[in-house]
């Protein structure tokens, strides 16, 4: 059984599309523990709309927060605190993809970060990076904190416009396994996700 936690080097780097591709490639179940904002069409809804197979089960979020903000702030706005220790993996005998909120250092409550949740769940990480000015720094910092916490990393996905120089440096410096890239697409649909999923199958 394969279980991965999809995290990114920051917000809006393509975690959800990557999670959809991994879900399709493994015909895995999908779970996003905390959704902050976007409740009209959540990340779970997005992944569901992009996956073609009929084996995947989409488990409900543990927290659905109205404010599009850091989970600790969004929860506080509703007068609640996220109970990190109460976040348990859904019961399933299938492969599982778990998608985090933002990057690893995003606070879930006053004390715990997404990083702490990853360690608690004991999952291998798939790291999503996007090329932009400053992304080398953000990617290396993320890789370093994962190494420091001794969290296993299955590999890194570069998402968006290609930057060969940056990508080569990141791979050489971190020693992370390079997974297939997800390139800029005019539109992501089920067919596009299925094509990418076929490329990923041999890597997972």
N, C-alpha and C. Protein backbone atom coordinates (compact mmCIF):
# COMPACT_ATOMS: atom_id res chain seq x y z
N UNK A 1 0.84 -1.19 0.00
CA UNK A 1 0.00 0.00 0.00
C UNK A 1 0.88 1.25 0.00
N UNK A 2 0.52 2.21 -0.83
CA UNK A 2 1.32 3.43 -0.95
C UNK A 2 0.52 4.62 -0.43
N UNK A 3 1.19 5.39 0.44
CA UNK A 3 0.54 6.54 1.06
C UNK A 3 1.50 7.71 1.05
N UNK A 4 1.07 8.81 0.47
CA UNK A 4 1.93 9.98 0.33
C UNK A 4 1.23 11.24 0.85
N UNK A 5 2.04 12.13 1.42
CA UNK A 5 1.58 13.45 1.83
C UNK A 5 2.12 14.45 0.82
N UNK A 6 1.22 15.14 0.12
CA UNK A 6 1.63 16.11 -0.89
C UNK A 6 1.73 17.49 -0.25
N UNK A 7 2.93 18.04 -0.27
CA UNK A 7 3.14 19.38 0.25
C UNK A 7 3.86 20.21 -0.79
N UNK A 8 3.88 21.52 -0.59
CA UNK A 8 4.52 22.40 -1.56
C UNK A 8 5.49 23.33 -0.89
N UNK A 9 6.21 24.09 -1.71
CA UNK A 9 7.16 25.05 -1.17
C UNK A 9 6.46 26.34 -0.76
N UNK A 10 5.15 26.40 -0.97
CA UNK A 10 4.36 27.56 -0.59
C UNK A 10 2.94 27.37 -1.07
N UNK A 11 2.18 28.46 -1.07
CA UNK A 11 0.79 28.43 -1.52
C UNK A 11 0.73 28.62 -3.03
N UNK A 12 -0.23 27.98 -3.66
CA UNK A 12 -0.46 28.14 -5.11
C UNK A 12 0.72 27.69 -5.96
N UNK A 13 1.34 26.58 -5.57
CA UNK A 13 2.43 26.04 -6.39
C UNK A 13 1.98 24.82 -7.18
N UNK A 14 0.72 24.40 -7.01
CA UNK A 14 0.20 23.29 -7.80
C UNK A 14 0.00 21.99 -7.06
N UNK A 15 -0.13 22.06 -5.73
CA UNK A 15 -0.30 20.83 -4.96
C UNK A 15 -1.54 20.05 -5.37
N UNK A 16 -2.64 20.77 -5.60
CA UNK A 16 -3.91 20.08 -5.84
C UNK A 16 -3.89 19.34 -7.18
N UNK A 17 -3.35 19.96 -8.21
CA UNK A 17 -3.23 19.27 -9.50
C UNK A 17 -2.29 18.07 -9.36
N UNK A 18 -1.18 18.26 -8.66
CA UNK A 18 -0.27 17.15 -8.43
C UNK A 18 -0.96 16.02 -7.67
N UNK A 19 -1.74 16.39 -6.65
CA UNK A 19 -2.47 15.38 -5.88
C UNK A 19 -3.46 14.63 -6.76
N UNK A 20 -4.11 15.34 -7.67
CA UNK A 20 -5.06 14.69 -8.58
C UNK A 20 -4.34 13.69 -9.48
N UNK A 21 -3.17 14.07 -9.98
CA UNK A 21 -2.40 13.17 -10.85
C UNK A 21 -1.95 11.94 -10.08
N UNK A 22 -1.47 12.13 -8.88
CA UNK A 22 -1.04 10.99 -8.05
C UNK A 22 -2.23 10.10 -7.70
N UNK A 23 -3.36 10.71 -7.39
CA UNK A 23 -4.57 9.94 -7.07
C UNK A 23 -4.97 9.09 -8.26
N UNK A 24 -4.92 9.67 -9.44
CA UNK A 24 -5.28 8.92 -10.66
C UNK A 24 -4.26 7.83 -10.96
N UNK A 25 -2.98 8.16 -10.81
CA UNK A 25 -1.92 7.19 -11.13
C UNK A 25 -2.01 5.94 -10.25
N UNK A 26 -2.35 6.15 -8.98
CA UNK A 26 -2.40 5.04 -8.02
C UNK A 26 -3.81 4.52 -7.80
N UNK A 27 -4.80 5.15 -8.46
CA UNK A 27 -6.22 4.87 -8.18
C UNK A 27 -6.43 4.89 -6.66
N UNK A 28 -5.85 5.91 -6.06
CA UNK A 28 -5.79 6.04 -4.60
C UNK A 28 -7.02 6.77 -4.06
N UNK A 29 -7.22 6.64 -2.76
CA UNK A 29 -8.15 7.52 -2.06
C UNK A 29 -7.47 8.88 -1.87
N UNK A 30 -8.28 9.89 -1.60
CA UNK A 30 -7.76 11.24 -1.41
C UNK A 30 -8.36 11.84 -0.14
N UNK A 31 -7.51 12.57 0.58
CA UNK A 31 -7.98 13.25 1.80
C UNK A 31 -7.24 14.54 2.00
N UNK A 32 -7.97 15.63 2.21
CA UNK A 32 -7.38 16.90 2.62
C UNK A 32 -7.89 17.18 4.03
N UNK A 33 -7.03 17.07 5.05
CA UNK A 33 -7.50 17.21 6.44
C UNK A 33 -8.13 18.56 6.75
N UNK A 34 -7.52 19.64 6.21
CA UNK A 34 -8.00 20.99 6.56
C UNK A 34 -8.19 21.80 5.28
N UNK A 35 -9.40 22.30 5.08
CA UNK A 35 -9.71 23.19 3.97
C UNK A 35 -10.04 24.55 4.54
N UNK A 36 -9.27 25.55 4.17
CA UNK A 36 -9.50 26.92 4.65
C UNK A 36 -9.88 27.80 3.46
N UNK A 37 -11.13 28.19 3.41
CA UNK A 37 -11.63 28.99 2.30
C UNK A 37 -12.02 28.12 1.12
N UNK A 38 -12.68 28.75 0.15
CA UNK A 38 -13.05 28.04 -1.08
C UNK A 38 -14.03 26.91 -0.86
N UNK A 39 -14.96 27.08 0.07
CA UNK A 39 -15.87 25.99 0.40
C UNK A 39 -16.91 25.74 -0.68
N UNK A 40 -17.10 26.70 -1.60
CA UNK A 40 -18.04 26.48 -2.70
C UNK A 40 -17.52 25.41 -3.66
N UNK A 41 -16.21 25.34 -3.80
CA UNK A 41 -15.59 24.31 -4.65
C UNK A 41 -14.21 24.04 -4.05
N UNK A 42 -14.15 23.05 -3.21
CA UNK A 42 -12.94 22.78 -2.42
C UNK A 42 -11.88 22.07 -3.24
N UNK A 43 -10.71 21.90 -2.63
CA UNK A 43 -9.66 21.13 -3.29
C UNK A 43 -10.11 19.69 -3.51
N UNK A 44 -10.88 19.15 -2.58
CA UNK A 44 -11.44 17.81 -2.77
C UNK A 44 -12.34 17.77 -4.00
N UNK A 45 -13.17 18.79 -4.17
CA UNK A 45 -14.03 18.88 -5.35
C UNK A 45 -13.19 18.96 -6.62
N UNK A 46 -12.09 19.73 -6.56
CA UNK A 46 -11.22 19.86 -7.73
C UNK A 46 -10.61 18.52 -8.11
N UNK A 47 -10.05 17.82 -7.12
CA UNK A 47 -9.44 16.52 -7.40
C UNK A 47 -10.49 15.55 -7.94
N UNK A 48 -11.66 15.55 -7.33
CA UNK A 48 -12.74 14.67 -7.78
C UNK A 48 -13.10 14.94 -9.24
N UNK A 49 -13.09 16.20 -9.63
CA UNK A 49 -13.46 16.58 -10.99
C UNK A 49 -12.39 16.20 -12.01
N UNK A 50 -11.17 15.93 -11.53
CA UNK A 50 -10.06 15.64 -12.44
C UNK A 50 -9.70 14.16 -12.52
N UNK A 51 -10.28 13.36 -11.65
CA UNK A 51 -9.95 11.93 -11.58
C UNK A 51 -10.97 11.12 -12.37
N UNK A 52 -10.46 10.18 -13.15
CA UNK A 52 -11.33 9.37 -14.02
C UNK A 52 -11.68 8.02 -13.43
N UNK A 53 -10.78 7.43 -12.64
CA UNK A 53 -11.01 6.06 -12.18
C UNK A 53 -12.17 6.01 -11.18
N UNK A 54 -12.73 4.83 -11.02
CA UNK A 54 -13.89 4.67 -10.14
C UNK A 54 -13.52 4.04 -8.81
N UNK A 55 -12.22 3.77 -8.60
CA UNK A 55 -11.78 3.12 -7.36
C UNK A 55 -11.54 4.14 -6.24
N UNK A 56 -11.18 5.36 -6.60
CA UNK A 56 -10.83 6.37 -5.60
C UNK A 56 -12.02 6.76 -4.76
N UNK A 57 -11.77 6.89 -3.46
CA UNK A 57 -12.77 7.40 -2.52
C UNK A 57 -12.26 8.75 -2.00
N UNK A 58 -13.14 9.72 -1.93
CA UNK A 58 -12.76 11.07 -1.51
C UNK A 58 -13.30 11.29 -0.10
N UNK A 59 -12.38 11.26 0.85
CA UNK A 59 -12.78 11.32 2.25
C UNK A 59 -13.04 12.77 2.67
N UNK A 60 -14.04 13.00 3.50
CA UNK A 60 -14.40 14.37 3.89
C UNK A 60 -13.31 15.02 4.74
N UNK A 61 -13.18 16.31 4.60
CA UNK A 61 -12.22 17.07 5.37
C UNK A 61 -12.58 17.00 6.86
N UNK A 62 -11.57 16.99 7.69
CA UNK A 62 -11.82 17.05 9.14
C UNK A 62 -12.26 18.45 9.55
N UNK A 63 -11.72 19.46 8.86
CA UNK A 63 -12.07 20.85 9.14
C UNK A 63 -12.37 21.56 7.83
N UNK A 64 -13.52 22.20 7.77
CA UNK A 64 -13.93 23.03 6.62
C UNK A 64 -14.12 24.45 7.16
N UNK A 65 -13.14 25.31 6.91
CA UNK A 65 -13.11 26.65 7.50
C UNK A 65 -13.45 27.69 6.43
N UNK A 66 -14.21 28.68 6.81
CA UNK A 66 -14.73 29.66 5.84
C UNK A 66 -13.67 30.62 5.33
N UNK A 67 -12.77 31.06 6.20
CA UNK A 67 -11.81 32.11 5.82
C UNK A 67 -10.66 31.54 5.00
N UNK A 68 -10.35 32.21 3.91
CA UNK A 68 -9.18 31.83 3.11
C UNK A 68 -7.95 32.45 3.76
N UNK A 69 -7.39 31.73 4.71
CA UNK A 69 -6.26 32.23 5.49
C UNK A 69 -5.51 31.03 6.05
N UNK A 70 -4.43 31.31 6.77
CA UNK A 70 -3.73 30.24 7.47
C UNK A 70 -4.73 29.49 8.34
N UNK A 71 -4.65 28.16 8.38
CA UNK A 71 -5.64 27.39 9.14
C UNK A 71 -5.82 27.85 10.59
N UNK A 72 -4.72 28.24 11.24
CA UNK A 72 -4.87 28.65 12.64
C UNK A 72 -5.71 29.92 12.76
N UNK A 73 -5.55 30.82 11.80
CA UNK A 73 -6.34 32.07 11.82
C UNK A 73 -7.78 31.80 11.39
N UNK A 74 -7.95 30.97 10.36
CA UNK A 74 -9.29 30.67 9.88
C UNK A 74 -10.11 29.96 10.96
N UNK A 75 -9.46 29.06 11.70
CA UNK A 75 -10.14 28.36 12.78
C UNK A 75 -10.50 29.33 13.91
N UNK A 76 -9.55 30.20 14.26
CA UNK A 76 -9.79 31.16 15.34
C UNK A 76 -10.95 32.08 15.01
N UNK A 77 -11.11 32.42 13.73
CA UNK A 77 -12.21 33.30 13.32
C UNK A 77 -13.56 32.65 13.56
N UNK A 78 -13.58 31.31 13.66
CA UNK A 78 -14.83 30.59 13.93
C UNK A 78 -14.90 30.13 15.39
N UNK A 79 -13.93 30.61 16.19
CA UNK A 79 -13.95 30.29 17.61
C UNK A 79 -13.57 28.86 17.94
N UNK A 80 -12.79 28.25 17.06
CA UNK A 80 -12.35 26.87 17.32
C UNK A 80 -10.84 26.78 17.19
N UNK A 81 -10.29 25.67 17.65
CA UNK A 81 -8.86 25.39 17.49
C UNK A 81 -8.74 24.00 16.88
N UNK A 82 -7.88 23.88 15.88
CA UNK A 82 -7.67 22.59 15.22
C UNK A 82 -6.96 21.64 16.18
N UNK A 83 -7.55 20.50 16.38
CA UNK A 83 -6.96 19.46 17.23
C UNK A 83 -6.07 18.58 16.35
N UNK A 84 -4.80 18.89 16.31
CA UNK A 84 -3.88 18.17 15.44
C UNK A 84 -3.82 16.69 15.81
N UNK A 85 -3.80 16.39 17.08
CA UNK A 85 -3.71 14.99 17.51
C UNK A 85 -4.97 14.20 17.18
N UNK A 86 -6.05 14.92 16.91
CA UNK A 86 -7.28 14.24 16.52
C UNK A 86 -7.37 13.96 15.04
N UNK A 87 -6.39 14.43 14.27
CA UNK A 87 -6.38 14.19 12.83
C UNK A 87 -5.80 12.81 12.56
N UNK A 88 -6.65 11.88 12.22
CA UNK A 88 -6.25 10.50 11.97
C UNK A 88 -6.51 10.14 10.51
N UNK A 89 -5.64 9.34 9.94
CA UNK A 89 -5.83 8.91 8.56
C UNK A 89 -7.16 8.19 8.41
N UNK A 90 -7.85 8.43 7.29
CA UNK A 90 -9.11 7.72 7.07
C UNK A 90 -8.87 6.21 6.96
N UNK A 91 -9.82 5.45 7.41
CA UNK A 91 -9.69 4.00 7.33
C UNK A 91 -9.94 3.55 5.90
N UNK A 92 -8.93 2.96 5.31
CA UNK A 92 -9.03 2.46 3.94
C UNK A 92 -7.94 1.42 3.71
N UNK A 93 -8.23 0.47 2.87
CA UNK A 93 -7.23 -0.53 2.48
C UNK A 93 -6.61 -0.15 1.13
N UNK A 94 -6.97 1.01 0.63
CA UNK A 94 -6.48 1.47 -0.66
C UNK A 94 -5.24 2.35 -0.48
N UNK A 95 -4.54 2.62 -1.58
CA UNK A 95 -3.52 3.65 -1.58
C UNK A 95 -4.17 4.97 -1.17
N UNK A 96 -3.36 5.89 -0.65
CA UNK A 96 -3.93 7.14 -0.12
C UNK A 96 -3.03 8.33 -0.43
N UNK A 97 -3.64 9.39 -0.91
CA UNK A 97 -2.97 10.67 -1.11
C UNK A 97 -3.57 11.68 -0.13
N UNK A 98 -2.70 12.29 0.68
CA UNK A 98 -3.12 13.32 1.62
C UNK A 98 -2.52 14.65 1.16
N UNK A 99 -3.35 15.67 1.08
CA UNK A 99 -2.86 16.99 0.64
C UNK A 99 -2.85 17.96 1.80
N UNK A 100 -1.72 18.62 1.98
CA UNK A 100 -1.59 19.60 3.05
C UNK A 100 -2.13 20.96 2.67
N UNK A 101 -2.06 21.89 3.61
CA UNK A 101 -2.48 23.27 3.40
C UNK A 101 -1.24 24.15 3.31
N UNK A 102 -1.06 24.84 2.18
CA UNK A 102 0.11 25.69 2.02
C UNK A 102 1.40 24.90 2.10
N UNK A 103 2.41 25.46 2.78
CA UNK A 103 3.69 24.78 2.93
C UNK A 103 3.84 24.14 4.29
N UNK A 104 5.02 23.60 4.56
CA UNK A 104 5.25 22.84 5.78
C UNK A 104 5.19 23.69 7.04
N UNK A 105 5.56 24.96 6.95
CA UNK A 105 5.64 25.78 8.15
C UNK A 105 4.36 26.57 8.42
N UNK A 106 3.29 26.19 7.76
CA UNK A 106 1.99 26.83 7.99
C UNK A 106 1.43 26.36 9.32
N UNK A 107 1.02 27.28 10.19
CA UNK A 107 0.48 26.89 11.50
C UNK A 107 -0.94 26.34 11.41
N UNK A 108 -1.18 25.23 12.11
CA UNK A 108 -2.51 24.65 12.21
C UNK A 108 -3.23 25.15 13.46
N UNK A 109 -2.45 25.41 14.49
CA UNK A 109 -2.98 26.05 15.71
C UNK A 109 -1.84 26.84 16.34
N UNK A 110 -1.97 27.23 17.58
CA UNK A 110 -0.96 28.09 18.20
C UNK A 110 0.38 27.38 18.40
N UNK A 111 0.38 26.07 18.30
CA UNK A 111 1.59 25.32 18.62
C UNK A 111 2.11 24.44 17.49
N UNK A 112 1.20 23.91 16.67
CA UNK A 112 1.60 22.88 15.70
C UNK A 112 1.51 23.38 14.26
N UNK A 113 2.48 22.91 13.47
CA UNK A 113 2.58 23.26 12.06
C UNK A 113 2.14 22.08 11.20
N UNK A 114 1.94 22.35 9.90
CA UNK A 114 1.69 21.26 8.95
C UNK A 114 2.81 20.23 9.04
N UNK A 115 4.03 20.68 9.23
CA UNK A 115 5.18 19.80 9.38
C UNK A 115 4.97 18.78 10.50
N UNK A 116 4.42 19.25 11.61
CA UNK A 116 4.17 18.35 12.74
C UNK A 116 3.12 17.30 12.38
N UNK A 117 2.13 17.71 11.59
CA UNK A 117 1.10 16.76 11.16
C UNK A 117 1.70 15.70 10.25
N UNK A 118 2.57 16.11 9.33
CA UNK A 118 3.23 15.14 8.45
C UNK A 118 3.97 14.09 9.27
N UNK A 119 4.71 14.56 10.26
CA UNK A 119 5.49 13.65 11.10
C UNK A 119 4.56 12.74 11.91
N UNK A 120 3.48 13.30 12.41
CA UNK A 120 2.52 12.53 13.19
C UNK A 120 1.89 11.42 12.36
N UNK A 121 1.53 11.72 11.11
CA UNK A 121 0.87 10.75 10.26
C UNK A 121 1.85 9.69 9.73
N UNK A 122 3.14 10.00 9.75
CA UNK A 122 4.15 9.03 9.34
C UNK A 122 4.15 8.72 7.86
N UNK A 123 3.83 9.72 7.04
CA UNK A 123 3.74 9.51 5.61
C UNK A 123 5.00 9.98 4.88
N UNK A 124 5.26 9.36 3.75
CA UNK A 124 6.33 9.81 2.86
C UNK A 124 5.82 11.03 2.10
N UNK A 125 6.70 11.99 1.88
CA UNK A 125 6.30 13.26 1.27
C UNK A 125 6.59 13.28 -0.23
N UNK A 126 5.67 13.85 -0.98
CA UNK A 126 5.92 14.27 -2.35
C UNK A 126 5.93 15.80 -2.33
N UNK A 127 7.05 16.38 -2.71
CA UNK A 127 7.24 17.83 -2.64
C UNK A 127 6.99 18.47 -4.00
N UNK A 128 6.13 19.48 -4.02
CA UNK A 128 5.82 20.20 -5.26
C UNK A 128 6.51 21.55 -5.23
N UNK A 129 7.27 21.83 -6.29
CA UNK A 129 7.96 23.11 -6.44
C UNK A 129 7.50 23.77 -7.72
N UNK A 130 7.45 25.10 -7.72
CA UNK A 130 7.13 25.85 -8.94
C UNK A 130 8.24 26.85 -9.18
N UNK A 131 8.64 27.01 -10.41
CA UNK A 131 9.74 27.92 -10.74
C UNK A 131 9.28 29.38 -10.75
N UNK A 132 9.88 30.17 -9.88
CA UNK A 132 9.68 31.62 -9.83
C UNK A 132 10.90 32.21 -9.14
N UNK A 133 11.07 33.51 -9.19
CA UNK A 133 12.21 34.15 -8.55
C UNK A 133 12.11 33.92 -7.04
N UNK A 134 13.08 33.21 -6.48
CA UNK A 134 13.05 32.88 -5.06
C UNK A 134 12.69 31.43 -4.79
N UNK A 135 12.30 30.70 -5.83
CA UNK A 135 11.84 29.32 -5.60
C UNK A 135 12.98 28.38 -5.22
N UNK A 136 14.20 28.67 -5.65
CA UNK A 136 15.33 27.83 -5.23
C UNK A 136 15.46 27.89 -3.71
N UNK A 137 15.46 29.10 -3.19
CA UNK A 137 15.56 29.29 -1.74
C UNK A 137 14.43 28.56 -1.01
N UNK A 138 13.20 28.75 -1.46
CA UNK A 138 12.06 28.13 -0.80
C UNK A 138 12.10 26.60 -0.89
N UNK A 139 12.57 26.09 -2.02
CA UNK A 139 12.64 24.63 -2.20
C UNK A 139 13.74 24.04 -1.32
N UNK A 140 14.89 24.69 -1.28
CA UNK A 140 15.99 24.17 -0.46
C UNK A 140 15.64 24.24 1.03
N UNK A 141 14.98 25.31 1.45
CA UNK A 141 14.57 25.41 2.85
C UNK A 141 13.59 24.29 3.21
N UNK A 142 12.64 24.03 2.32
CA UNK A 142 11.66 22.96 2.56
C UNK A 142 12.35 21.61 2.63
N UNK A 143 13.24 21.35 1.68
CA UNK A 143 13.98 20.08 1.68
C UNK A 143 14.83 19.93 2.93
N UNK A 144 15.41 21.04 3.39
CA UNK A 144 16.27 20.99 4.57
C UNK A 144 15.48 20.66 5.83
N UNK A 145 14.30 21.26 5.98
CA UNK A 145 13.52 20.98 7.19
C UNK A 145 13.00 19.55 7.18
N UNK A 146 12.70 19.01 6.02
CA UNK A 146 12.30 17.60 5.92
C UNK A 146 13.47 16.70 6.30
N UNK A 147 14.67 17.05 5.84
CA UNK A 147 15.85 16.26 6.19
C UNK A 147 16.12 16.34 7.69
N UNK A 148 16.00 17.53 8.25
CA UNK A 148 16.26 17.73 9.68
C UNK A 148 15.29 16.91 10.53
N UNK A 149 14.03 16.85 10.10
CA UNK A 149 13.02 16.09 10.84
C UNK A 149 13.06 14.59 10.49
N UNK A 150 13.95 14.22 9.59
CA UNK A 150 14.08 12.81 9.16
C UNK A 150 12.77 12.27 8.57
N UNK A 151 12.11 13.11 7.80
CA UNK A 151 10.88 12.71 7.11
C UNK A 151 11.25 12.24 5.71
N UNK A 152 10.88 11.02 5.34
CA UNK A 152 11.25 10.51 4.01
C UNK A 152 10.55 11.26 2.89
N UNK A 153 11.26 11.46 1.80
CA UNK A 153 10.72 12.17 0.64
C UNK A 153 10.76 11.24 -0.57
N UNK A 154 9.60 10.99 -1.14
CA UNK A 154 9.51 10.10 -2.31
C UNK A 154 10.08 10.77 -3.54
N UNK A 155 10.02 12.10 -3.58
CA UNK A 155 10.55 12.81 -4.74
C UNK A 155 9.98 14.20 -4.84
N UNK A 156 10.46 14.91 -5.84
CA UNK A 156 10.03 16.30 -6.07
C UNK A 156 9.44 16.43 -7.45
N UNK A 157 8.35 17.17 -7.52
CA UNK A 157 7.68 17.49 -8.78
C UNK A 157 7.88 18.97 -9.07
N UNK A 158 8.41 19.27 -10.27
CA UNK A 158 8.48 20.66 -10.70
C UNK A 158 7.23 20.95 -11.52
N UNK A 159 6.52 21.99 -11.12
CA UNK A 159 5.24 22.32 -11.73
C UNK A 159 5.33 23.68 -12.42
N UNK A 160 4.76 23.78 -13.60
CA UNK A 160 4.71 25.06 -14.29
C UNK A 160 5.80 25.22 -15.33
N UNK A 161 6.11 26.45 -15.65
CA UNK A 161 7.09 26.76 -16.70
C UNK A 161 8.47 26.21 -16.34
N UNK A 162 9.11 25.58 -17.30
CA UNK A 162 10.40 24.94 -17.07
C UNK A 162 11.51 25.97 -16.84
N UNK A 163 12.40 25.65 -15.89
CA UNK A 163 13.63 26.41 -15.70
C UNK A 163 14.72 25.37 -15.41
N UNK A 164 15.37 24.93 -16.46
CA UNK A 164 16.30 23.80 -16.35
C UNK A 164 17.43 24.08 -15.37
N UNK A 165 17.95 25.29 -15.39
CA UNK A 165 19.06 25.64 -14.51
C UNK A 165 18.66 25.52 -13.05
N UNK A 166 17.51 26.09 -12.70
CA UNK A 166 17.04 26.02 -11.31
C UNK A 166 16.74 24.58 -10.90
N UNK A 167 16.07 23.86 -11.77
CA UNK A 167 15.68 22.49 -11.43
C UNK A 167 16.91 21.59 -11.25
N UNK A 168 17.88 21.74 -12.15
CA UNK A 168 19.10 20.92 -12.03
C UNK A 168 19.85 21.23 -10.74
N UNK A 169 19.92 22.51 -10.39
CA UNK A 169 20.61 22.88 -9.15
C UNK A 169 19.91 22.28 -7.94
N UNK A 170 18.59 22.39 -7.90
CA UNK A 170 17.82 21.87 -6.76
C UNK A 170 18.03 20.36 -6.61
N UNK A 171 17.97 19.64 -7.70
CA UNK A 171 18.15 18.18 -7.64
C UNK A 171 19.56 17.82 -7.19
N UNK A 172 20.55 18.52 -7.72
CA UNK A 172 21.94 18.22 -7.36
C UNK A 172 22.21 18.56 -5.89
N UNK A 173 21.68 19.69 -5.43
CA UNK A 173 21.97 20.14 -4.07
C UNK A 173 21.25 19.29 -3.03
N UNK A 174 19.98 18.98 -3.30
CA UNK A 174 19.18 18.26 -2.30
C UNK A 174 19.35 16.74 -2.38
N UNK A 175 19.70 16.25 -3.57
CA UNK A 175 19.77 14.81 -3.76
C UNK A 175 18.41 14.14 -3.83
N UNK A 176 17.35 14.95 -3.95
CA UNK A 176 16.01 14.38 -4.02
C UNK A 176 15.76 13.71 -5.36
N UNK A 177 14.93 12.70 -5.33
CA UNK A 177 14.55 11.99 -6.55
C UNK A 177 13.63 12.88 -7.38
N UNK A 178 13.90 12.95 -8.65
CA UNK A 178 13.10 13.79 -9.53
C UNK A 178 11.95 12.98 -10.11
N UNK A 179 10.74 13.41 -9.81
CA UNK A 179 9.55 12.80 -10.39
C UNK A 179 9.20 13.55 -11.68
N UNK A 180 8.34 12.99 -12.53
CA UNK A 180 7.97 13.70 -13.75
C UNK A 180 7.45 15.11 -13.46
N UNK A 181 7.76 16.01 -14.36
CA UNK A 181 7.33 17.40 -14.20
C UNK A 181 5.89 17.58 -14.69
N UNK A 182 5.24 18.58 -14.15
CA UNK A 182 3.92 18.99 -14.62
C UNK A 182 4.10 20.36 -15.26
N UNK A 183 3.91 20.45 -16.53
CA UNK A 183 4.20 21.69 -17.23
C UNK A 183 2.95 22.56 -17.40
N UNK A 184 3.19 23.81 -17.79
CA UNK A 184 2.11 24.77 -17.96
C UNK A 184 1.13 24.25 -19.00
N UNK A 185 -0.12 24.17 -18.64
CA UNK A 185 -1.16 23.70 -19.54
C UNK A 185 -2.23 24.77 -19.68
N UNK A 186 -2.83 24.83 -20.86
CA UNK A 186 -3.92 25.79 -21.07
C UNK A 186 -5.08 25.47 -20.16
N UNK A 187 -5.29 24.18 -19.93
CA UNK A 187 -6.40 23.76 -19.07
C UNK A 187 -6.12 22.35 -18.56
N UNK A 188 -6.42 22.11 -17.30
CA UNK A 188 -6.31 20.77 -16.76
C UNK A 188 -7.71 20.15 -16.73
N UNK A 189 -7.83 19.00 -17.38
CA UNK A 189 -9.08 18.27 -17.42
C UNK A 189 -8.77 16.81 -17.13
N UNK A 190 -9.79 15.97 -17.11
CA UNK A 190 -9.58 14.55 -16.81
C UNK A 190 -8.61 13.90 -17.78
N UNK A 191 -8.72 14.26 -19.04
CA UNK A 191 -7.85 13.65 -20.05
C UNK A 191 -6.39 14.03 -19.83
N UNK A 192 -6.15 15.31 -19.53
CA UNK A 192 -4.78 15.77 -19.28
C UNK A 192 -4.21 15.10 -18.05
N UNK A 193 -5.00 15.03 -16.98
CA UNK A 193 -4.55 14.38 -15.74
C UNK A 193 -4.25 12.91 -15.99
N UNK A 194 -5.07 12.24 -16.78
CA UNK A 194 -4.85 10.82 -17.09
C UNK A 194 -3.54 10.63 -17.85
N UNK A 195 -3.22 11.55 -18.75
CA UNK A 195 -1.96 11.46 -19.50
C UNK A 195 -0.77 11.61 -18.57
N UNK A 196 -0.82 12.58 -17.67
CA UNK A 196 0.26 12.74 -16.70
C UNK A 196 0.34 11.54 -15.76
N UNK A 197 -0.81 11.03 -15.35
CA UNK A 197 -0.84 9.88 -14.43
C UNK A 197 -0.12 8.68 -15.03
N UNK A 198 -0.26 8.49 -16.33
CA UNK A 198 0.41 7.38 -16.99
C UNK A 198 1.92 7.51 -16.90
N UNK A 199 2.43 8.75 -16.95
CA UNK A 199 3.87 8.99 -16.82
C UNK A 199 4.36 8.72 -15.40
N UNK A 200 3.51 8.94 -14.42
CA UNK A 200 3.91 8.80 -13.02
C UNK A 200 3.91 7.37 -12.53
N UNK A 201 3.17 6.49 -13.18
CA UNK A 201 2.95 5.15 -12.64
C UNK A 201 4.24 4.39 -12.35
N UNK A 202 5.24 4.57 -13.18
CA UNK A 202 6.49 3.84 -12.97
C UNK A 202 7.38 4.41 -11.89
N UNK A 203 6.98 5.54 -11.31
CA UNK A 203 7.81 6.22 -10.31
C UNK A 203 7.30 6.05 -8.89
N UNK A 204 6.09 5.54 -8.73
CA UNK A 204 5.46 5.54 -7.42
C UNK A 204 5.47 4.18 -6.76
